[in-house]
């Protein structure tokens, strides 16, 4: 009987170890869910593909003839940048130039997504914006996964303000919550340590999070918020989860307050 128990424990240990190895090797396939779309047109008359003078595609732009501010959105994990064209409705002020940033490996952009590559390209995008619109205040918006590059940029570059939708303290925190029996904190490569990035970013921060979010539970946004030492505010949306929070932002009782923050009012 003892031999059977030992054999069973060894077998279970080997299976567990094998699962950890497989998860470690394939983790980026499990972490990112891009949609690959090559849009010839925007599908929305307000946005059009945006390329720099060298022809590099960065995402989609809603131009402004005499812009007063730039708002850059880094989108969440599912889909691609143009799926966030709701930003046009959220910010109807046509004096605001809007950019929907695209990640490598998402949408029409080639490449394999990783934290290092996304951060590198996000920083280059902001530098490109600064070269073209040097005097304009910049608001960065990060949605879910996008809270990673948004928080990182806030720690590396001078921006006016930062808005985070459904953010998290770190990807390791969220991953360990969902998979408590796996050593996520040990094996995760792309950690998106937003709390650490924002420790050196004393700019106005506004967080919006659904209280019913099951993908990124609100406790991880609260952890991020509590650790932040700069000027900050938090909007909690009762009854909203991870995937239905946007309608509440566009047409809800909190819409105007969020819009005012984005525009620096």
Protein backbone atom coordinates (compact mmCIF):
# COMPACT_ATOMS: atom_id res chain seq x y z
CA UNK A 1 0.00 0.00 0.00
CA UNK A 2 2.84 2.36 0.92
CA UNK A 3 4.58 1.62 -2.38
CA UNK A 4 1.38 2.44 -4.29
CA UNK A 5 1.01 5.74 -2.43
CA UNK A 6 4.64 6.68 -3.09
CA UNK A 7 4.31 5.76 -6.75
CA UNK A 8 1.13 7.80 -7.04
CA UNK A 9 2.74 10.83 -5.38
CA UNK A 10 5.77 10.60 -7.66
CA UNK A 11 3.52 10.34 -10.71
CA UNK A 12 1.47 13.34 -9.61
CA UNK A 13 4.66 15.28 -8.93
CA UNK A 14 5.97 14.49 -12.40
CA UNK A 15 2.68 15.54 -14.00
CA UNK A 16 2.65 18.76 -11.97
CA UNK A 17 6.25 19.48 -12.93
CA UNK A 18 5.51 18.79 -16.59
CA UNK A 19 2.55 21.17 -16.51
CA UNK A 20 4.75 23.89 -15.04
CA UNK A 21 7.38 23.35 -17.74
CA UNK A 22 4.76 23.49 -20.51
CA UNK A 23 3.18 26.61 -19.02
CA UNK A 24 6.58 28.25 -18.72
CA UNK A 25 7.51 27.52 -22.33
CA UNK A 26 4.15 28.51 -23.83
CA UNK A 27 3.25 31.28 -21.39
CA UNK A 28 3.12 34.12 -23.93
CA UNK A 29 0.62 32.14 -25.99
CA UNK A 30 -1.46 31.85 -22.83
CA UNK A 31 -1.00 35.49 -21.83
CA UNK A 32 -1.76 37.37 -25.06
CA UNK A 33 -4.91 37.15 -27.18
CA UNK A 34 -4.35 39.34 -30.24
CA UNK A 35 -6.71 39.76 -33.16
CA UNK A 36 -4.87 39.91 -36.47
CA UNK A 37 -6.62 42.35 -38.76
CA UNK A 38 -5.17 44.29 -41.68
CA UNK A 39 -7.63 47.13 -42.07
CA UNK A 40 -7.30 49.04 -45.33
CA UNK A 41 -9.71 51.64 -43.98
CA UNK A 42 -10.62 52.44 -40.45
CA UNK A 43 -14.27 51.42 -40.63
CA UNK A 44 -14.88 54.67 -38.77
CA UNK A 45 -14.72 58.02 -40.54
CA UNK A 46 -13.16 59.67 -37.48
CA UNK A 47 -10.09 57.43 -37.40
CA UNK A 48 -7.54 56.61 -40.06
CA UNK A 49 -4.28 54.65 -40.02
CA UNK A 50 -1.40 56.67 -38.62
CA UNK A 51 2.15 56.32 -39.91
CA UNK A 52 5.20 58.43 -39.23
CA UNK A 53 7.39 60.00 -41.93
CA UNK A 54 9.30 56.73 -42.31
CA UNK A 55 6.09 54.81 -42.98
CA UNK A 56 5.96 53.05 -39.61
CA UNK A 57 2.38 52.12 -38.70
CA UNK A 58 1.61 53.04 -35.08
CA UNK A 59 -2.17 52.68 -34.90
CA UNK A 60 -5.08 54.97 -35.70
CA UNK A 61 -5.52 58.72 -35.43
CA UNK A 62 -8.43 61.10 -35.19
CA UNK A 63 -6.77 64.27 -36.47
CA UNK A 64 -7.46 67.77 -35.19
CA UNK A 65 -6.89 70.90 -37.27
CA UNK A 66 -5.70 72.99 -34.34
CA UNK A 67 -5.13 70.45 -31.55
CA UNK A 68 -5.07 71.54 -27.93
CA UNK A 69 -4.28 68.14 -26.39
CA UNK A 70 -3.28 64.60 -27.35
CA UNK A 71 -4.98 61.55 -25.83
CA UNK A 72 -3.27 58.20 -26.46
CA UNK A 73 -5.09 54.94 -25.68
CA UNK A 74 -3.25 51.66 -25.06
CA UNK A 75 -5.89 48.97 -25.40
CA UNK A 76 -6.64 45.78 -23.53
CA UNK A 77 -5.60 42.24 -24.34
CA UNK A 78 -8.42 41.05 -26.57
CA UNK A 79 -8.90 42.42 -30.07
CA UNK A 80 -6.94 45.27 -31.63
CA UNK A 81 -6.64 49.03 -31.49
CA UNK A 82 -9.48 50.09 -33.76
CA UNK A 83 -11.91 48.09 -31.67
CA UNK A 84 -11.50 50.95 -29.21
CA UNK A 85 -12.94 53.60 -31.53
CA UNK A 86 -15.42 54.30 -28.72
CA UNK A 87 -12.82 56.86 -27.64
CA UNK A 88 -14.27 59.10 -30.36
CA UNK A 89 -17.61 59.14 -28.54
CA UNK A 90 -16.05 59.52 -25.13
CA UNK A 91 -14.05 62.55 -26.30
CA UNK A 92 -16.28 64.40 -28.80
CA UNK A 93 -14.19 67.59 -28.53
CA UNK A 94 -12.60 67.84 -32.00
CA UNK A 95 -9.79 70.04 -30.70
CA UNK A 96 -8.38 66.90 -29.05
CA UNK A 97 -6.17 64.67 -31.18
CA UNK A 98 -6.85 60.99 -30.45
CA UNK A 99 -4.46 58.09 -31.02
CA UNK A 100 -5.31 54.40 -30.71
CA UNK A 101 -1.92 52.76 -30.23
CA UNK A 102 -1.35 49.31 -31.70
CA UNK A 103 0.96 46.66 -30.23
CA UNK A 104 3.43 44.48 -32.13
CA UNK A 105 1.66 41.25 -33.02
CA UNK A 106 -1.81 42.80 -32.77
CA UNK A 107 -4.02 44.01 -35.60
CA UNK A 108 -2.00 44.95 -38.68
CA UNK A 109 1.35 45.05 -36.86
CA UNK A 110 3.85 42.25 -37.30
CA UNK A 111 5.80 40.72 -34.46
CA UNK A 112 5.34 38.59 -31.38
CA UNK A 113 4.02 40.47 -28.34
CA UNK A 114 6.10 40.63 -25.21
CA UNK A 115 6.39 43.10 -22.35
CA UNK A 116 9.81 44.34 -23.47
CA UNK A 117 8.73 44.86 -27.08
CA UNK A 118 5.41 46.50 -26.18
CA UNK A 119 7.18 48.89 -23.80
CA UNK A 120 9.86 49.71 -26.35
CA UNK A 121 7.34 50.46 -29.09
CA UNK A 122 5.04 52.39 -26.76
CA UNK A 123 7.94 54.63 -25.75
CA UNK A 124 8.94 55.17 -29.37
CA UNK A 125 5.33 56.07 -30.19
CA UNK A 126 5.26 58.72 -27.47
CA UNK A 127 8.61 60.08 -28.63
CA UNK A 128 7.19 60.33 -32.16
CA UNK A 129 4.17 62.20 -30.82
CA UNK A 130 6.45 64.56 -28.92
CA UNK A 131 8.48 65.30 -32.04
CA UNK A 132 5.35 66.23 -33.97
CA UNK A 133 3.26 67.91 -31.26
CA UNK A 134 5.94 69.03 -28.83
CA UNK A 135 3.96 71.70 -27.00
CA UNK A 136 0.71 69.80 -26.45
CA UNK A 137 -0.21 68.21 -23.11
CA UNK A 138 -0.52 64.43 -23.39
CA UNK A 139 -3.04 62.25 -21.58
CA UNK A 140 -2.26 58.53 -21.54
CA UNK A 141 -5.11 56.03 -21.15
CA UNK A 142 -4.37 52.40 -20.37
CA UNK A 143 -7.08 49.75 -20.57
CA UNK A 144 -6.43 46.48 -18.70
CA UNK A 145 -3.26 45.11 -20.37
CA UNK A 146 -2.71 48.65 -21.63
CA UNK A 147 -2.24 49.81 -18.04
CA UNK A 148 1.19 48.19 -18.35
CA UNK A 149 2.68 50.32 -21.15
CA UNK A 150 0.73 53.33 -19.89
CA UNK A 151 2.23 53.05 -16.40
CA UNK A 152 5.69 52.36 -17.79
CA UNK A 153 5.59 55.43 -20.04
CA UNK A 154 4.46 57.55 -17.09
CA UNK A 155 7.63 56.49 -15.29
CA UNK A 156 9.90 57.22 -18.27
CA UNK A 157 8.51 60.30 -19.98
CA UNK A 158 6.90 63.62 -19.13
CA UNK A 159 3.13 63.37 -19.59
CA UNK A 160 0.29 65.48 -18.24
CA UNK A 161 -1.95 62.83 -16.69
CA UNK A 162 -2.71 59.12 -16.61
CA UNK A 163 -6.09 57.34 -16.72
CA UNK A 164 -6.29 53.59 -16.13
CA UNK A 165 -9.32 51.44 -16.91
CA UNK A 166 -9.48 48.03 -15.17
CA UNK A 167 -5.79 48.11 -14.20
CA UNK A 168 -3.81 45.83 -11.91
CA UNK A 169 -0.89 46.07 -9.50
CA UNK A 170 1.07 43.46 -11.46
CA UNK A 171 0.37 40.62 -13.87
CA UNK A 172 1.96 38.25 -11.37
CA UNK A 173 -0.59 39.26 -8.73
CA UNK A 174 -3.51 38.57 -11.07
CA UNK A 175 -2.01 35.36 -12.43
CA UNK A 176 -1.33 33.96 -8.97
CA UNK A 177 -4.91 34.80 -7.95
CA UNK A 178 -6.37 32.82 -10.84
CA UNK A 179 -3.91 29.90 -10.58
CA UNK A 180 -3.07 29.61 -6.87
CA UNK A 181 -1.60 26.11 -7.19
CA UNK A 182 1.01 27.11 -9.78
CA UNK A 183 4.16 29.14 -9.04
CA UNK A 184 3.12 32.00 -11.31
CA UNK A 185 5.30 34.51 -9.47
CA UNK A 186 8.36 32.38 -10.20
CA UNK A 187 7.83 31.53 -13.84
CA UNK A 188 6.08 34.60 -15.28
CA UNK A 189 8.27 36.51 -17.73
CA UNK A 190 6.02 39.43 -18.67
CA UNK A 191 5.18 40.75 -15.22
CA UNK A 192 3.80 44.24 -15.92
CA UNK A 193 4.73 45.60 -12.48
CA UNK A 194 2.55 48.68 -12.65
CA UNK A 195 2.82 49.45 -8.95
CA UNK A 196 6.60 49.64 -9.24
CA UNK A 197 6.50 51.77 -12.39
CA UNK A 198 4.16 54.31 -10.84
CA UNK A 199 6.25 54.73 -7.72
CA UNK A 200 8.22 57.40 -9.62
CA UNK A 201 5.37 59.12 -11.48
CA UNK A 202 3.88 62.03 -9.46
CA UNK A 203 1.27 62.97 -12.07
CA UNK A 204 -2.52 63.04 -11.69
CA UNK A 205 -3.87 59.48 -11.79
CA UNK A 206 -7.48 58.41 -12.23
CA UNK A 207 -8.55 54.76 -12.03
CA UNK A 208 -11.87 53.34 -13.21
CA UNK A 209 -12.76 49.78 -12.27
CA UNK A 210 -15.84 47.59 -12.22
CA UNK A 211 -16.70 46.16 -8.83
CA UNK A 212 -17.91 42.93 -10.49
CA UNK A 213 -14.71 42.40 -12.52
CA UNK A 214 -13.81 38.69 -12.47
CA UNK A 215 -10.87 38.92 -14.88
CA UNK A 216 -8.97 41.59 -12.95
CA UNK A 217 -10.65 41.74 -9.54
CA UNK A 218 -10.93 45.26 -8.17
CA UNK A 219 -8.64 44.43 -5.24
CA UNK A 220 -5.64 44.66 -7.58
CA UNK A 221 -6.66 48.12 -8.77
CA UNK A 222 -7.14 49.15 -5.15
CA UNK A 223 -3.67 47.85 -4.31
CA UNK A 224 -2.23 49.96 -7.13
CA UNK A 225 -4.22 52.99 -6.04
CA UNK A 226 -3.27 52.73 -2.37
CA UNK A 227 0.43 52.52 -3.20
CA UNK A 228 0.38 55.57 -5.45
CA UNK A 229 1.67 58.71 -3.74
CA UNK A 230 0.75 61.33 -6.35
CA UNK A 231 -2.60 63.10 -6.85
CA UNK A 232 -5.19 60.41 -7.46
CA UNK A 233 -8.87 59.55 -7.73
CA UNK A 234 -10.80 56.29 -8.08
CA UNK A 235 -14.16 55.62 -9.73
CA UNK A 236 -15.83 52.32 -8.78
CA UNK A 237 -18.61 51.15 -11.07
CA UNK A 238 -21.07 48.97 -9.19
CA UNK A 239 -22.41 45.98 -11.11
CA UNK A 240 -19.93 46.23 -13.98
CA UNK A 241 -17.37 43.60 -14.93
CA UNK A 242 -14.28 43.53 -17.09
CA UNK A 243 -15.95 43.41 -20.49
CA UNK A 244 -18.94 45.71 -20.01
CA UNK A 245 -17.30 48.68 -18.34
CA UNK A 246 -16.87 50.75 -21.51
CA UNK A 247 -20.61 51.51 -22.02
CA UNK A 248 -20.69 52.92 -18.50
CA UNK A 249 -17.76 55.17 -19.38
CA UNK A 250 -19.32 56.38 -22.63
CA UNK A 251 -22.91 56.89 -21.47
CA UNK A 252 -23.13 56.77 -17.71
CA UNK A 253 -23.38 59.02 -14.71
CA UNK A 254 -19.57 59.00 -14.36
CA UNK A 255 -18.91 59.90 -18.01
CA UNK A 256 -18.51 63.65 -17.65
CA UNK A 257 -16.16 63.38 -14.68
CA UNK A 258 -13.95 60.91 -16.54
CA UNK A 259 -14.02 63.06 -19.68
CA UNK A 260 -13.06 66.13 -17.66
CA UNK A 261 -10.09 64.29 -16.20
CA UNK A 262 -8.88 63.21 -19.65
CA UNK A 263 -9.04 66.80 -20.86
CA UNK A 264 -7.33 68.28 -17.81
CA UNK A 265 -10.36 70.21 -16.58
